[in-house]
C-alpha atoms as a PDB file:
ATOM      1  CA  MET A   1     -30.821  10.037   3.980  1.00  0.00           C
ATOM      2  CA  ASP A   2     -32.489  13.440   4.327  1.00  0.00           C
ATOM      3  CA  LYS A   3     -35.904  15.117   4.064  1.00  0.00           C
ATOM      4  CA  ASP A   4     -36.999  17.525   1.330  1.00  0.00           C
ATOM      5  CA  LYS A   5     -39.161  20.632   1.792  1.00  0.00           C
ATOM      6  CA  LEU A   6     -42.366  18.550   1.628  1.00  0.00           C
ATOM      7  CA  GLY A   7     -41.197  16.351   4.474  1.00  0.00           C
ATOM      8  CA  LYS A   8     -40.635  13.331   2.252  1.00  0.00           C
ATOM      9  CA  THR A   9     -37.678  11.085   2.966  1.00  0.00           C
ATOM     10  CA  VAL A  10     -34.957  11.353   0.325  1.00  0.00           C
ATOM     11  CA  THR A  11     -32.321   8.631   0.007  1.00  0.00           C
ATOM     12  CA  PHE A  12     -28.950   9.394  -1.574  1.00  0.00           C
ATOM     13  CA  LYS A  13     -27.173   6.554  -3.344  1.00  0.00           C
ATOM     14  CA  GLU A  14     -23.386   6.464  -3.771  1.00  0.00           C
ATOM     15  CA  ILE A  15     -22.696   5.676  -7.428  1.00  0.00           C
ATOM     16  CA  THR A  16     -18.957   6.245  -7.631  1.00  0.00           C
ATOM     17  CA  SER A  17     -16.745   3.299  -8.547  1.00  0.00           C
ATOM     18  CA  ASN A  18     -14.606   1.245  -6.163  1.00  0.00           C
ATOM     19  CA  PRO A  19     -11.187   2.950  -5.820  1.00  0.00           C
ATOM     20  CA  ALA A  20      -9.553   0.055  -3.951  1.00  0.00           C
ATOM     21  CA  PRO A  21      -8.212  -1.767  -7.055  1.00  0.00           C
ATOM     22  CA  LEU A  22      -6.404   1.394  -8.189  1.00  0.00           C
ATOM     23  CA  GLY A  23      -4.801   1.819  -4.789  1.00  0.00           C
ATOM     24  CA  LEU A  24      -3.887  -1.848  -4.445  1.00  0.00           C
ATOM     25  CA  LEU A  25      -2.345  -1.961  -7.929  1.00  0.00           C
ATOM     26  CA  GLY A  26      -0.393   1.239  -7.313  1.00  0.00           C
ATOM     27  CA  PHE A  27       0.946  -0.276  -4.126  1.00  0.00           C
ATOM     28  CA  GLY A  28       1.400  -3.840  -5.393  1.00  0.00           C
ATOM     29  CA  MET A  29       3.163  -3.213  -8.692  1.00  0.00           C
ATOM     30  CA  THR A  30       5.533  -0.632  -7.210  1.00  0.00           C
ATOM     31  CA  THR A  31       6.286  -2.918  -4.261  1.00  0.00           C
ATOM     32  CA  VAL A  32       7.165  -5.824  -6.555  1.00  0.00           C
ATOM     33  CA  LEU A  33       9.548  -3.658  -8.566  1.00  0.00           C
ATOM     34  CA  LEU A  34      11.289  -2.149  -5.531  1.00  0.00           C
ATOM     35  CA  ASN A  35      11.742  -5.558  -3.967  1.00  0.00           C
ATOM     36  CA  LEU A  36      13.149  -7.057  -7.137  1.00  0.00           C
ATOM     37  CA  HIS A  37      15.852  -4.462  -6.508  1.00  0.00           C
ATOM     38  CA  ASN A  38      16.085  -5.409  -2.811  1.00  0.00           C
ATOM     39  CA  ALA A  39      16.441  -9.064  -3.818  1.00  0.00           C
ATOM     40  CA  GLY A  40      19.405  -8.100  -6.005  1.00  0.00           C
ATOM     41  CA  PHE A  41      17.982  -8.403  -9.525  1.00  0.00           C
ATOM     42  CA  PHE A  42      18.825  -4.833 -10.593  1.00  0.00           C
ATOM     43  CA  PRO A  43      20.089  -1.573  -9.039  1.00  0.00           C
ATOM     44  CA  MET A  44      17.954   1.306  -7.813  1.00  0.00           C
ATOM     45  CA  ASP A  45      17.233   3.479 -10.847  1.00  0.00           C
ATOM     46  CA  SER A  46      14.799   6.004 -12.339  1.00  0.00           C
ATOM     47  CA  MET A  47      12.262   3.276 -13.213  1.00  0.00           C
ATOM     48  CA  ILE A  48      11.645   2.657  -9.511  1.00  0.00           C
ATOM     49  CA  PHE A  49      11.627   6.395  -8.780  1.00  0.00           C
ATOM     50  CA  ALA A  50       9.054   7.037 -11.517  1.00  0.00           C
ATOM     51  CA  MET A  51       6.787   4.206 -10.355  1.00  0.00           C
ATOM     52  CA  GLY A  52       7.162   5.378  -6.761  1.00  0.00           C
ATOM     53  CA  ILE A  53       6.162   8.945  -7.584  1.00  0.00           C
ATOM     54  CA  PHE A  54       3.328   8.375 -10.033  1.00  0.00           C
ATOM     55  CA  TYR A  55       1.746   4.975  -9.386  1.00  0.00           C
ATOM     56  CA  GLY A  56       2.830   4.084  -5.874  1.00  0.00           C
ATOM     57  CA  GLY A  57       2.532   7.713  -4.793  1.00  0.00           C
ATOM     58  CA  PHE A  58      -0.011   9.832  -6.651  1.00  0.00           C
ATOM     59  CA  ALA A  59      -2.341   6.983  -7.673  1.00  0.00           C
ATOM     60  CA  GLN A  60      -2.637   5.773  -4.083  1.00  0.00           C
ATOM     61  CA  VAL A  61      -3.264   9.275  -2.748  1.00  0.00           C
ATOM     62  CA  ILE A  62      -6.016   9.713  -5.350  1.00  0.00           C
ATOM     63  CA  ALA A  63      -7.493   6.338  -4.341  1.00  0.00           C
ATOM     64  CA  GLY A  64      -7.364   7.403  -0.689  1.00  0.00           C
ATOM     65  CA  ILE A  65      -9.258  10.623  -1.433  1.00  0.00           C
ATOM     66  CA  MET A  66     -11.851   8.591  -3.353  1.00  0.00           C
ATOM     67  CA  GLU A  67     -12.184   6.214  -0.379  1.00  0.00           C
ATOM     68  CA  TRP A  68     -12.792   9.260   1.848  1.00  0.00           C
ATOM     69  CA  LYS A  69     -15.627  10.256  -0.505  1.00  0.00           C
ATOM     70  CA  LYS A  70     -17.087   6.762  -0.085  1.00  0.00           C
ATOM     71  CA  ASP A  71     -16.951   7.101   3.733  1.00  0.00           C
ATOM     72  CA  ASN A  72     -14.302   4.374   4.066  1.00  0.00           C
ATOM     73  CA  THR A  73     -11.981   5.482   6.870  1.00  0.00           C
ATOM     74  CA  PHE A  74      -9.768   2.383   6.595  1.00  0.00           C
ATOM     75  CA  GLY A  75      -9.289   2.738   2.831  1.00  0.00           C
ATOM     76  CA  ALA A  76      -8.730   6.496   3.031  1.00  0.00           C
ATOM     77  CA  THR A  77      -6.136   6.099   5.786  1.00  0.00           C
ATOM     78  CA  ALA A  78      -4.342   3.180   4.114  1.00  0.00           C
ATOM     79  CA  PHE A  79      -4.086   4.457   0.554  1.00  0.00           C
ATOM     80  CA  THR A  80      -3.303   8.064   1.462  1.00  0.00           C
ATOM     81  CA  SER A  81      -0.663   6.990   3.984  1.00  0.00           C
ATOM     82  CA  TYR A  82       1.067   4.486   1.703  1.00  0.00           C
ATOM     83  CA  GLY A  83       0.898   6.919  -1.208  1.00  0.00           C
ATOM     84  CA  PHE A  84       2.806   9.445   0.838  1.00  0.00           C
ATOM     85  CA  PHE A  85       5.115   6.680   2.061  1.00  0.00           C
ATOM     86  CA  TRP A  86       6.211   6.137  -1.530  1.00  0.00           C
ATOM     87  CA  LEU A  87       6.650   9.856  -2.118  1.00  0.00           C
ATOM     88  CA  SER A  88       8.683  10.207   1.074  1.00  0.00           C
ATOM     89  CA  LEU A  89      10.834   7.189   0.169  1.00  0.00           C
ATOM     90  CA  ILE A  90      11.647   8.692  -3.213  1.00  0.00           C
ATOM     91  CA  ALA A  91      12.417  12.024  -1.539  1.00  0.00           C
ATOM     92  CA  ILE A  92      14.798  10.260   0.866  1.00  0.00           C
ATOM     93  CA  ASN A  93      16.706   8.906  -2.136  1.00  0.00           C
ATOM     94  CA  ILE A  94      16.615  12.034  -4.309  1.00  0.00           C
ATOM     95  CA  LEU A  95      16.992  14.986  -1.900  1.00  0.00           C
ATOM     96  CA  PRO A  96      20.618  14.228  -0.891  1.00  0.00           C
ATOM     97  CA  THR A  97      21.649  14.139  -4.576  1.00  0.00           C
ATOM     98  CA  MET A  98      20.174  17.639  -4.913  1.00  0.00           C
ATOM     99  CA  GLY A  99      22.157  18.926  -1.948  1.00  0.00           C
ATOM    100  CA  LEU A 100      19.019  19.136   0.204  1.00  0.00           C
ATOM    101  CA  GLY A 101      20.122  17.322   3.336  1.00  0.00           C
ATOM    102  CA  GLU A 102      22.401  14.458   4.223  1.00  0.00           C
ATOM    103  CA  ALA A 103      21.749  10.899   3.076  1.00  0.00           C
ATOM    104  CA  PRO A 104      20.034   8.954   5.879  1.00  0.00           C
ATOM    105  CA  SER A 105      22.100   6.774   8.160  1.00  0.00           C
ATOM    106  CA  SER A 106      21.325   3.076   8.586  1.00  0.00           C
ATOM    107  CA  LEU A 107      19.915   3.845  12.030  1.00  0.00           C
ATOM    108  CA  SER A 108      17.580   6.579  10.787  1.00  0.00           C
ATOM    109  CA  MET A 109      16.332   4.330   7.974  1.00  0.00           C
ATOM    110  CA  ALA A 110      15.758   1.559  10.512  1.00  0.00           C
ATOM    111  CA  ALA A 111      13.671   3.964  12.636  1.00  0.00           C
ATOM    112  CA  TYR A 112      11.720   5.178   9.567  1.00  0.00           C
ATOM    113  CA  LEU A 113      10.883   1.631   8.464  1.00  0.00           C
ATOM    114  CA  PHE A 114      10.068   0.513  12.001  1.00  0.00           C
ATOM    115  CA  MET A 115       7.457   3.271  12.351  1.00  0.00           C
ATOM    116  CA  TRP A 116       5.847   2.032   9.143  1.00  0.00           C
ATOM    117  CA  ALA A 117       5.910  -1.501  10.552  1.00  0.00           C
ATOM    118  CA  ILE A 118       3.990  -0.336  13.626  1.00  0.00           C
ATOM    119  CA  PHE A 119       1.438   1.528  11.506  1.00  0.00           C
ATOM    120  CA  THR A 120       0.997  -1.440   9.171  1.00  0.00           C
ATOM    121  CA  PHE A 121       0.519  -3.901  12.019  1.00  0.00           C
ATOM    122  CA  ALA A 122      -2.268  -1.687  13.398  1.00  0.00           C
ATOM    123  CA  MET A 123      -3.880  -1.628   9.946  1.00  0.00           C
ATOM    124  CA  PHE A 124      -3.483  -5.423   9.756  1.00  0.00           C
ATOM    125  CA  ILE A 125      -5.667  -5.693  12.855  1.00  0.00           C
ATOM    126  CA  GLY A 126      -8.306  -3.758  10.917  1.00  0.00           C
ATOM    127  CA  THR A 127      -8.194  -6.277   8.062  1.00  0.00           C
ATOM    128  CA  LEU A 128      -9.423  -8.972  10.456  1.00  0.00           C
ATOM    129  CA  ARG A 129     -12.822  -7.351   9.887  1.00  0.00           C
ATOM    130  CA  ILE A 130     -12.506  -7.204   6.080  1.00  0.00           C
ATOM    131  CA  SER A 131     -11.056 -10.159   4.149  1.00  0.00           C
ATOM    132  CA  LYS A 132      -8.406 -12.860   4.154  1.00  0.00           C
ATOM    133  CA  ALA A 133      -6.880 -11.381   0.996  1.00  0.00           C
ATOM    134  CA  LEU A 134      -6.203  -8.067   2.742  1.00  0.00           C
ATOM    135  CA  GLN A 135      -4.953  -9.918   5.813  1.00  0.00           C
ATOM    136  CA  VAL A 136      -2.252 -11.462   3.605  1.00  0.00           C
ATOM    137  CA  VAL A 137      -1.407  -8.076   2.056  1.00  0.00           C
ATOM    138  CA  PHE A 138      -1.103  -6.189   5.342  1.00  0.00           C
ATOM    139  CA  GLY A 139       0.395  -9.071   7.308  1.00  0.00           C
ATOM    140  CA  SER A 140       3.135  -9.611   4.744  1.00  0.00           C
ATOM    141  CA  LEU A 141       3.687  -5.841   4.496  1.00  0.00           C
ATOM    142  CA  ALA A 142       4.136  -5.502   8.267  1.00  0.00           C
ATOM    143  CA  LEU A 143       6.686  -8.326   8.094  1.00  0.00           C
ATOM    144  CA  LEU A 144       8.403  -6.633   5.148  1.00  0.00           C
ATOM    145  CA  PHE A 145       8.814  -3.340   7.010  1.00  0.00           C
ATOM    146  CA  LEU A 146      10.092  -5.203  10.055  1.00  0.00           C
ATOM    147  CA  LEU A 147      12.661  -7.138   7.995  1.00  0.00           C
ATOM    148  CA  LEU A 148      13.817  -3.986   6.197  1.00  0.00           C
ATOM    149  CA  SER A 149      14.133  -2.150   9.503  1.00  0.00           C
ATOM    150  CA  LEU A 150      16.108  -5.027  11.006  1.00  0.00           C
ATOM    151  CA  GLY A 151      18.296  -5.228   7.905  1.00  0.00           C
ATOM    152  CA  HIS A 152      19.205  -1.545   8.128  1.00  0.00           C
ATOM    153  CA  PHE A 153      19.686  -1.696  11.895  1.00  0.00           C
ATOM    154  CA  THR A 154      22.078  -4.664  11.720  1.00  0.00           C
ATOM    155  CA  GLY A 155      23.625  -3.838   8.348  1.00  0.00           C
ATOM    156  CA  SER A 156      22.844  -7.379   7.201  1.00  0.00           C
ATOM    157  CA  ALA A 157      22.720  -7.751   3.405  1.00  0.00           C
ATOM    158  CA  LEU A 158      21.205 -11.214   3.882  1.00  0.00           C
ATOM    159  CA  ILE A 159      18.213  -9.877   5.816  1.00  0.00           C
ATOM    160  CA  LEU A 160      17.645  -7.199   3.174  1.00  0.00           C
ATOM    161  CA  THR A 161      17.756  -9.842   0.437  1.00  0.00           C
ATOM    162  CA  ILE A 162      15.266 -12.018   2.312  1.00  0.00           C
ATOM    163  CA  ALA A 163      13.083  -8.913   2.726  1.00  0.00           C
ATOM    164  CA  GLY A 164      13.248  -8.420  -1.036  1.00  0.00           C
ATOM    165  CA  TYR A 165      11.828 -11.864  -1.770  1.00  0.00           C
ATOM    166  CA  GLU A 166       9.185 -11.478   0.932  1.00  0.00           C
ATOM    167  CA  GLY A 167       8.281  -8.077  -0.532  1.00  0.00           C
ATOM    168  CA  ILE A 168       7.757  -9.588  -3.968  1.00  0.00           C
ATOM    169  CA  ILE A 169       5.204 -11.958  -2.420  1.00  0.00           C
ATOM    170  CA  CYS A 170       3.569  -9.036  -0.603  1.00  0.00           C
ATOM    171  CA  GLY A 171       3.305  -6.992  -3.806  1.00  0.00           C
ATOM    172  CA  PHE A 172       1.768  -9.841  -5.785  1.00  0.00           C
ATOM    173  CA  SER A 173      -0.762 -10.464  -3.000  1.00  0.00           C
ATOM    174  CA  ALA A 174      -1.934  -6.838  -3.417  1.00  0.00           C
ATOM    175  CA  ILE A 175      -2.137  -7.280  -7.199  1.00  0.00           C
ATOM    176  CA  TYR A 176      -4.273 -10.400  -6.657  1.00  0.00           C
ATOM    177  CA  ALA A 177      -6.611  -8.530  -4.276  1.00  0.00           C
ATOM    178  CA  ALA A 178      -6.978  -5.710  -6.814  1.00  0.00           C
ATOM    179  CA  MET A 179      -7.697  -7.894  -9.834  1.00  0.00           C
ATOM    180  CA  ALA A 180     -10.088 -10.057  -7.814  1.00  0.00           C
ATOM    181  CA  GLN A 181     -12.219  -7.005  -7.061  1.00  0.00           C
ATOM    182  CA  VAL A 182     -12.170  -5.878 -10.701  1.00  0.00           C
ATOM    183  CA  LEU A 183     -13.016  -9.270 -12.203  1.00  0.00           C
ATOM    184  CA  ASN A 184     -15.573 -10.249  -9.563  1.00  0.00           C
ATOM    185  CA  GLU A 185     -17.431  -6.992 -10.178  1.00  0.00           C
ATOM    186  CA  LEU A 186     -17.276  -7.347 -13.962  1.00  0.00           C
ATOM    187  CA  TYR A 187     -18.552 -10.931 -13.992  1.00  0.00           C
ATOM    188  CA  GLY A 188     -21.060 -10.449 -11.186  1.00  0.00           C
ATOM    189  CA  LYS A 189     -19.765 -13.508  -9.350  1.00  0.00           C
ATOM    190  CA  THR A 190     -16.694 -14.754  -7.520  1.00  0.00           C
ATOM    191  CA  ILE A 191     -13.989 -15.409 -10.090  1.00  0.00           C
ATOM    192  CA  MET A 192     -11.102 -14.886  -7.662  1.00  0.00           C
ATOM    193  CA  PRO A 193     -12.059 -15.384  -3.989  1.00  0.00           C
ATOM    194  CA  LEU A 194     -11.164 -12.704  -1.461  1.00  0.00           C
ATOM    195  CA  GLY A 195     -12.285 -14.559   1.656  1.00  0.00           C
ATOM    196  CA  GLU A 196     -14.591 -11.846   2.953  1.00  0.00           C
ATOM    197  CA  VAL A 197     -15.045 -11.898   6.713  1.00  0.00           C
ATOM    198  CA  LYS A 198     -18.627 -12.437   7.858  1.00  0.00           C
ATOM    199  CA  LYS A 199     -19.524  -9.647  10.281  1.00  0.00           C
END
């Protein structure tokens, strides 16, 4: 809201679209695919790298910048951070094959994943003010990072496999939250409930 030269009040209306579904789909679909690998269905390959760079990475960063434009600090922080998480994860896997640094040790990967668990738990607290759907996404993601960190720290293949199945659930919960926002907006009513928190 501002005033023009005649002293009249001028109201500005934000007419850009909701970037959250793009960010949630970029995160959710890439997370499902990575955790199908973690669960043992197929090896790590270029499909996961490509999804991690372009959809999990760039698409989420773009969504985060769009959330910044919409004055959504939570969305901007979440999507930009997780977009760069995916890009950093791909770099961790690719850089050693290019001779640019040593492959990470189990302990360093455990530390990396544990830091993301801490960040995600803090963001989960923020979702208590938003919706039950996002509480499931961030709560299951915090658990996923914790399981992955524990799996790398202990060297337990079983924990990493369990993390894979839990991560598949996490990814699909993000896909649900994304499609719910798209379809609810299109139909002008609640087709897929998100469980918005009453403030």
